[in-house]
């Protein structure tokens, strides 16, 4: 059973989603969508578009979501860079 199906309340568990965005912009390089989502509502709590998918970029987005929602949920994700 995944944490998503065990979630019984808003803010209990959050997930991460990092996706490559295919584009045709010259001189841009790779572009990524990085989002923090609530597992219960599936709402995007905070997200950003970045040319990097490194730990400082991810933590910046995560901290903005934590600050905005004043929450400290457990994280579930496909891959966390540590």
N, C-alpha and C. Protein backbone atom coordinates (compact mmCIF):
# COMPACT_ATOMS: atom_id res chain seq x y z
N UNK A 1 0.86 -1.18 0.00
CA UNK A 1 0.00 0.00 0.00
C UNK A 1 0.90 1.24 0.00
N UNK A 2 0.63 2.16 -0.89
CA UNK A 2 1.41 3.39 -0.95
C UNK A 2 0.91 4.36 0.11
N UNK A 3 1.75 5.34 0.43
CA UNK A 3 1.35 6.36 1.40
C UNK A 3 0.17 7.18 0.90
N UNK A 4 0.04 7.32 -0.42
CA UNK A 4 -1.07 8.08 -0.97
C UNK A 4 -2.41 7.47 -0.60
N UNK A 5 -2.52 6.14 -0.64
CA UNK A 5 -3.79 5.51 -0.31
C UNK A 5 -4.01 5.45 1.20
N UNK A 6 -2.96 5.59 1.99
CA UNK A 6 -3.09 5.56 3.45
C UNK A 6 -3.38 6.94 4.03
N UNK A 7 -3.27 7.98 3.22
CA UNK A 7 -3.47 9.34 3.68
C UNK A 7 -4.93 9.56 4.06
N UNK A 8 -5.14 10.11 5.25
CA UNK A 8 -6.50 10.33 5.74
C UNK A 8 -6.81 11.79 6.01
N UNK A 9 -5.86 12.68 5.75
CA UNK A 9 -6.09 14.09 6.04
C UNK A 9 -5.16 14.96 5.20
N UNK A 10 -5.56 16.20 4.98
CA UNK A 10 -4.72 17.17 4.29
C UNK A 10 -3.41 17.36 5.04
N UNK A 11 -2.33 17.46 4.31
CA UNK A 11 -1.04 17.76 4.91
C UNK A 11 -0.37 16.60 5.62
N UNK A 12 -0.95 15.42 5.58
CA UNK A 12 -0.37 14.27 6.27
C UNK A 12 0.88 13.76 5.55
N UNK A 13 0.80 13.61 4.23
CA UNK A 13 1.93 13.19 3.41
C UNK A 13 2.00 14.06 2.17
N UNK A 14 3.22 14.41 1.79
CA UNK A 14 3.44 15.15 0.56
C UNK A 14 4.27 14.29 -0.39
N UNK A 15 4.11 14.52 -1.67
CA UNK A 15 4.89 13.84 -2.70
C UNK A 15 5.63 14.87 -3.53
N UNK A 16 6.67 14.40 -4.19
CA UNK A 16 7.42 15.26 -5.11
C UNK A 16 7.20 14.77 -6.53
N UNK A 17 7.27 15.69 -7.47
CA UNK A 17 7.19 15.33 -8.87
C UNK A 17 8.15 16.21 -9.64
N UNK A 18 9.11 15.58 -10.31
CA UNK A 18 10.08 16.30 -11.13
C UNK A 18 9.96 15.75 -12.54
N UNK A 19 9.65 16.63 -13.49
CA UNK A 19 9.45 16.19 -14.88
C UNK A 19 10.28 17.05 -15.83
N UNK A 20 10.81 16.39 -16.82
CA UNK A 20 11.50 17.08 -17.91
C UNK A 20 10.45 17.69 -18.83
N UNK A 21 10.66 18.94 -19.23
CA UNK A 21 9.75 19.61 -20.15
C UNK A 21 10.42 19.70 -21.51
N UNK A 22 9.80 19.07 -22.50
CA UNK A 22 10.30 19.11 -23.86
C UNK A 22 9.96 20.48 -24.45
N UNK A 23 10.93 21.14 -25.05
CA UNK A 23 10.70 22.49 -25.59
C UNK A 23 11.59 22.72 -26.80
N UNK A 24 11.35 23.82 -27.47
CA UNK A 24 12.14 24.20 -28.66
C UNK A 24 12.79 25.57 -28.48
N UNK A 25 13.03 25.97 -27.25
CA UNK A 25 13.64 27.27 -27.00
C UNK A 25 15.15 27.18 -27.22
N UNK A 26 15.71 28.06 -28.06
CA UNK A 26 17.15 28.01 -28.31
C UNK A 26 17.95 28.48 -27.09
N UNK A 27 19.10 27.89 -26.90
CA UNK A 27 20.05 28.28 -25.84
C UNK A 27 19.47 28.19 -24.44
N UNK A 28 18.54 27.27 -24.21
CA UNK A 28 17.93 27.15 -22.89
C UNK A 28 18.44 25.92 -22.15
N UNK A 29 18.73 24.86 -22.84
CA UNK A 29 19.14 23.61 -22.20
C UNK A 29 17.92 22.90 -21.64
N UNK A 30 18.15 22.02 -20.71
CA UNK A 30 17.05 21.26 -20.12
C UNK A 30 16.18 22.14 -19.23
N UNK A 31 14.88 21.85 -19.22
CA UNK A 31 13.93 22.57 -18.38
C UNK A 31 13.11 21.54 -17.62
N UNK A 32 12.89 21.80 -16.31
CA UNK A 32 12.18 20.86 -15.46
C UNK A 32 11.05 21.54 -14.71
N UNK A 33 9.98 20.80 -14.50
CA UNK A 33 8.89 21.21 -13.62
C UNK A 33 9.10 20.46 -12.31
N UNK A 34 9.19 21.18 -11.21
CA UNK A 34 9.40 20.58 -9.89
C UNK A 34 8.22 20.99 -9.01
N UNK A 35 7.47 20.01 -8.50
CA UNK A 35 6.27 20.29 -7.72
C UNK A 35 6.25 19.51 -6.41
N UNK A 36 5.64 20.12 -5.40
CA UNK A 36 5.34 19.47 -4.14
C UNK A 36 3.82 19.34 -4.08
N UNK A 37 3.33 18.11 -3.87
CA UNK A 37 1.88 17.86 -3.90
C UNK A 37 1.42 17.24 -2.59
N UNK A 38 0.19 17.57 -2.21
CA UNK A 38 -0.46 16.94 -1.06
C UNK A 38 -1.08 15.63 -1.53
N UNK A 39 -0.77 14.52 -0.85
CA UNK A 39 -1.29 13.22 -1.29
C UNK A 39 -2.79 13.08 -1.11
N UNK A 40 -3.37 13.71 -0.11
CA UNK A 40 -4.80 13.56 0.16
C UNK A 40 -5.64 14.26 -0.91
N UNK A 41 -5.33 15.51 -1.18
CA UNK A 41 -6.12 16.30 -2.14
C UNK A 41 -5.55 16.24 -3.56
N UNK A 42 -4.28 15.81 -3.69
CA UNK A 42 -3.54 15.80 -4.95
C UNK A 42 -3.31 17.22 -5.47
N UNK A 43 -3.45 18.21 -4.61
CA UNK A 43 -3.23 19.60 -4.98
C UNK A 43 -1.73 19.88 -5.05
N UNK A 44 -1.34 20.73 -6.00
CA UNK A 44 0.04 21.20 -6.06
C UNK A 44 0.19 22.31 -5.04
N UNK A 45 1.03 22.09 -4.03
CA UNK A 45 1.22 23.06 -2.95
C UNK A 45 2.20 24.15 -3.36
N UNK A 46 3.22 23.77 -4.06
CA UNK A 46 4.20 24.73 -4.56
C UNK A 46 4.92 24.09 -5.73
N UNK A 47 5.26 24.85 -6.71
CA UNK A 47 6.00 24.33 -7.85
C UNK A 47 6.76 25.43 -8.54
N UNK A 48 7.69 25.04 -9.37
CA UNK A 48 8.48 26.01 -10.11
C UNK A 48 9.04 25.33 -11.35
N UNK A 49 9.45 26.14 -12.29
CA UNK A 49 10.13 25.68 -13.50
C UNK A 49 11.60 26.07 -13.34
N UNK A 50 12.48 25.13 -13.64
CA UNK A 50 13.90 25.38 -13.43
C UNK A 50 14.73 24.73 -14.53
N UNK A 51 15.92 25.26 -14.74
CA UNK A 51 16.85 24.64 -15.67
C UNK A 51 17.77 23.65 -14.93
N UNK A 52 17.54 23.50 -13.63
CA UNK A 52 18.33 22.56 -12.82
C UNK A 52 17.39 21.67 -12.03
N UNK A 53 17.84 20.46 -11.73
CA UNK A 53 17.08 19.57 -10.87
C UNK A 53 17.99 19.04 -9.76
N UNK A 54 18.72 19.95 -9.15
CA UNK A 54 19.66 19.57 -8.11
C UNK A 54 19.06 19.78 -6.73
N UNK A 55 19.79 19.38 -5.71
CA UNK A 55 19.30 19.45 -4.34
C UNK A 55 18.96 20.87 -3.88
N UNK A 56 19.81 21.88 -4.11
CA UNK A 56 19.45 23.23 -3.69
C UNK A 56 18.15 23.74 -4.32
N UNK A 57 17.92 23.43 -5.59
CA UNK A 57 16.68 23.85 -6.26
C UNK A 57 15.48 23.16 -5.64
N UNK A 58 15.58 21.84 -5.44
CA UNK A 58 14.49 21.08 -4.83
C UNK A 58 14.19 21.59 -3.42
N UNK A 59 15.22 21.79 -2.60
CA UNK A 59 15.01 22.23 -1.22
C UNK A 59 14.39 23.63 -1.17
N UNK A 60 14.77 24.49 -2.09
CA UNK A 60 14.17 25.83 -2.15
C UNK A 60 12.66 25.74 -2.36
N UNK A 61 12.23 24.88 -3.27
CA UNK A 61 10.80 24.69 -3.54
C UNK A 61 10.11 24.04 -2.35
N UNK A 62 10.74 23.03 -1.76
CA UNK A 62 10.17 22.37 -0.59
C UNK A 62 10.00 23.34 0.57
N UNK A 63 11.02 24.14 0.86
CA UNK A 63 10.95 25.09 1.98
C UNK A 63 9.88 26.14 1.76
N UNK A 64 9.65 26.55 0.52
CA UNK A 64 8.58 27.51 0.23
C UNK A 64 7.21 26.90 0.53
N UNK A 65 7.03 25.62 0.20
CA UNK A 65 5.76 24.95 0.50
C UNK A 65 5.58 24.79 2.01
N UNK A 66 6.65 24.40 2.71
CA UNK A 66 6.57 24.25 4.17
C UNK A 66 6.26 25.59 4.82
N UNK A 67 6.91 26.65 4.37
CA UNK A 67 6.67 27.99 4.93
C UNK A 67 5.24 28.44 4.66
N UNK A 68 4.76 28.23 3.45
CA UNK A 68 3.42 28.68 3.09
C UNK A 68 2.34 27.95 3.89
N UNK A 69 2.51 26.64 4.07
CA UNK A 69 1.48 25.84 4.72
C UNK A 69 1.81 25.53 6.19
N UNK A 70 2.95 26.02 6.67
CA UNK A 70 3.36 25.81 8.06
C UNK A 70 3.17 24.34 8.45
N UNK A 71 3.66 23.46 7.60
CA UNK A 71 3.46 22.03 7.79
C UNK A 71 4.80 21.30 7.78
N UNK A 72 4.78 20.10 8.30
CA UNK A 72 5.97 19.26 8.33
C UNK A 72 5.59 17.82 8.02
N UNK A 73 5.11 17.58 6.79
CA UNK A 73 4.64 16.24 6.45
C UNK A 73 5.79 15.30 6.12
N UNK A 74 5.50 14.01 6.08
CA UNK A 74 6.45 13.03 5.59
C UNK A 74 6.44 13.12 4.07
N UNK A 75 7.56 12.80 3.45
CA UNK A 75 7.66 12.90 1.99
C UNK A 75 7.67 11.52 1.35
N UNK A 76 6.99 11.42 0.22
CA UNK A 76 7.01 10.22 -0.61
C UNK A 76 7.32 10.69 -2.01
N UNK A 77 8.30 10.11 -2.66
CA UNK A 77 8.64 10.52 -4.01
C UNK A 77 9.29 9.42 -4.79
N UNK A 78 9.30 9.61 -6.10
CA UNK A 78 9.93 8.62 -6.96
C UNK A 78 11.42 8.58 -6.72
N UNK A 79 12.01 9.74 -6.51
CA UNK A 79 13.45 9.79 -6.29
C UNK A 79 13.78 11.11 -5.59
N UNK A 80 14.42 11.02 -4.47
CA UNK A 80 14.90 12.21 -3.79
C UNK A 80 16.42 12.23 -3.90
N UNK A 81 16.97 13.35 -4.24
CA UNK A 81 18.43 13.48 -4.37
C UNK A 81 18.98 13.82 -2.99
N UNK A 82 19.87 13.01 -2.49
CA UNK A 82 20.40 13.24 -1.15
C UNK A 82 21.91 13.39 -1.19
